[in-house]
Amino acid sequence: MPDWVDWDRVERGAAAYRFLGRNSGDVLTLLSLIGGYRFGGPPDLLVLTGGLTEGTTLRRLGETTKWTHAVTRAGGMRPGAEGWRLTVHVRAMHALINARFAPRWDTERWGHPVNQADQAGTLGLFDATLIVGCLGLGVRLTRAQRDDLMHLWRYVGWLMGVAPEWLTDVEDVRHRWNHHILLAAAGQTQAGRDLARLTLDAQAERAFGHRSPAAERLHQRYERARQASILTVFMGKDGMRDLGLRMRFPWGLLLALASNTVRYRLLGVLPGGRRRLEAHGARVQDRQLASMFPGSAAAVAHLPRATREATT
């Protein structure tokens, strides 16, 4: 365990994530994940590994959400706890993917299949990018909450195998690194466009638990439209064109701003408001996770088997 790990800050960082409620899922899906599909390399690897394909997209999104929830629950990152175990699982998965796909991967163009720059960029999507996106949706986060959230993900990154030179809990430093990684990123590929469409369409496959099939279908259509609306704001005209997606009126952002203003800037500042928002946010995040696993329990992907070529 590194000497810089402060367990009080790790727990406060996890509480800050729960505090975000539905906003965390919106930002990670739209700004972090789909936004990352504007650049080549990682999306092409996902297609090659079958990580996100027609019919499996929702489950793959749910698997990442399951890991994120385990990491951000109270005590989740203590050695041996569920978040700790799943993070080690992710580290092993990345190692097996490198061993399996490196021989047929264009390393001159994109580096190793799962390389340090891509891992650092992905980590930046869960800490600094998450913070910026939630602020943009009207969430009120204190400087202490932001710093603690950064500290949590620094520890997650260390456990996941991100090199020490790419680890920081200083938000401004992460923003600078993210900027440089974007400048060096490969250009748009068809894989990114395909995955953007599949990810957005998967929102209409979630299970919201309505007894009426008509109400369920209406909720699914609403959720896809809401997220497409917010995505338009995050990506802008050029980004939506790059992804091959149609621009939408930003009504989803207006609803988010209205709701978050009441929740975080009025109710949240009342005595005990933060604790109530953390508890409410955790319940909302749990419902989001459940909606991604219709008819089955939430779980993460099994480790890929190493091929004979990779093990010899």
Foldseek 3Di string as FASTA:
>chain_A
DDPPQDPVLLLLLLLLCLLLACLLVLQCLQQVPLVVLQFDQLLVLCVVVVLDDPPCNLLSSLQVLVLVLLLSDGVSCDVPHVNLVVLLVLLLQVVLSQLACVVPDPCVVHNGSDDLLNLLLSLLSNQLSSVVSSVLLAADDDPSNNLSNLSNSLVSSVSSPRDPVSGDSDNVVSVVSNVVSVVVTHGRDVSSLVRSVSSLLCQLVFAQDDPDPVVSNVVSVVRSLLSQLVSCVSQPPVRCVSSVHDHDPNVSSVVSNVVNCCLRVPQCVPVVSSVVSSVVSSVSSVSVSNRSDVPDDRHHDHRDDRDPSSVD
